[in-house]
Amino acid sequence: MIADSKHLITDTYTSLGLIVGLILVKINNFLWLDGTIKNEKHSISA
């Protein structure tokens, strides 16, 4: 049960980080951040 809750919290933080990163890319046109987010997403799911 505790492991499931920690996994859920980790997924929540990851999702929030992706959303914030995508908003920053859209608003500020930080194109370098887009590549960083994509690489981070792949390394997390691997």
C-alpha atoms as a PDB file:
ATOM      1  CA  MET A   1       0.000   0.000   0.000  1.00  0.00           C
ATOM      2  CA  ILE A   2       2.796   2.426   0.898  1.00  0.00           C
ATOM      3  CA  ALA A   3       4.720   1.571  -2.266  1.00  0.00           C
ATOM      4  CA  ASP A   4       1.608   2.267  -4.349  1.00  0.00           C
ATOM      5  CA  SER A   5       1.152   5.678  -2.761  1.00  0.00           C
ATOM      6  CA  LYS A   6       4.806   6.599  -3.332  1.00  0.00           C
ATOM      7  CA  HIS A   7       4.507   5.500  -6.957  1.00  0.00           C
ATOM      8  CA  LEU A   8       1.380   7.634  -7.385  1.00  0.00           C
ATOM      9  CA  ILE A   9       3.112  10.674  -5.874  1.00  0.00           C
ATOM     10  CA  THR A  10       6.097  10.191  -8.194  1.00  0.00           C
ATOM     11  CA  ASP A  11       3.803   9.951 -11.225  1.00  0.00           C
ATOM     12  CA  THR A  12       1.966  13.092 -10.111  1.00  0.00           C
ATOM     13  CA  TYR A  13       5.188  15.100  -9.780  1.00  0.00           C
ATOM     14  CA  THR A  14       6.397  13.846 -13.149  1.00  0.00           C
ATOM     15  CA  SER A  15       3.135  14.806 -14.828  1.00  0.00           C
ATOM     16  CA  LEU A  16       3.130  18.240 -13.213  1.00  0.00           C
ATOM     17  CA  GLY A  17       6.722  18.800 -14.307  1.00  0.00           C
ATOM     18  CA  LEU A  18       5.835  17.899 -17.885  1.00  0.00           C
ATOM     19  CA  ILE A  19       2.827  20.218 -17.886  1.00  0.00           C
ATOM     20  CA  VAL A  20       4.821  23.137 -16.446  1.00  0.00           C
ATOM     21  CA  GLY A  21       7.617  22.498 -18.933  1.00  0.00           C
ATOM     22  CA  LEU A  22       5.234  22.436 -21.878  1.00  0.00           C
ATOM     23  CA  ILE A  23       3.599  25.661 -20.712  1.00  0.00           C
ATOM     24  CA  LEU A  24       7.042  27.300 -20.485  1.00  0.00           C
ATOM     25  CA  VAL A  25       7.857  26.133 -24.008  1.00  0.00           C
ATOM     26  CA  LYS A  26       4.572  27.524 -25.311  1.00  0.00           C
ATOM     27  CA  ILE A  27       4.714  30.877 -23.480  1.00  0.00           C
ATOM     28  CA  ASN A  28       8.441  31.679 -23.638  1.00  0.00           C
ATOM     29  CA  ASN A  29       9.360  29.749 -26.779  1.00  0.00           C
ATOM     30  CA  PHE A  30      12.067  27.865 -24.869  1.00  0.00           C
ATOM     31  CA  LEU A  31      12.737  25.353 -27.627  1.00  0.00           C
ATOM     32  CA  TRP A  32      15.742  23.861 -25.803  1.00  0.00           C
ATOM     33  CA  LEU A  33      13.409  22.951 -22.933  1.00  0.00           C
ATOM     34  CA  ASP A  34      11.215  20.920 -25.284  1.00  0.00           C
ATOM     35  CA  GLY A  35      14.100  18.566 -26.076  1.00  0.00           C
ATOM     36  CA  THR A  36      14.988  18.309 -22.402  1.00  0.00           C
ATOM     37  CA  ILE A  37      11.430  17.360 -21.470  1.00  0.00           C
ATOM     38  CA  LYS A  38      11.263  14.710 -24.182  1.00  0.00           C
ATOM     39  CA  ASN A  39      14.560  13.148 -23.067  1.00  0.00           C
ATOM     40  CA  GLU A  40      13.494  13.165 -19.426  1.00  0.00           C
ATOM     41  CA  LYS A  41      10.178  11.531 -20.269  1.00  0.00           C
ATOM     42  CA  HIS A  42      11.930   8.688 -22.111  1.00  0.00           C
ATOM     43  CA  SER A  43      14.474   8.107 -19.369  1.00  0.00           C
ATOM     44  CA  ILE A  44      11.756   7.949 -16.715  1.00  0.00           C
ATOM     45  CA  SER A  45       9.637   5.413 -18.586  1.00  0.00           C
ATOM     46  CA  ALA A  46      12.608   3.174 -19.423  1.00  0.00           C
END
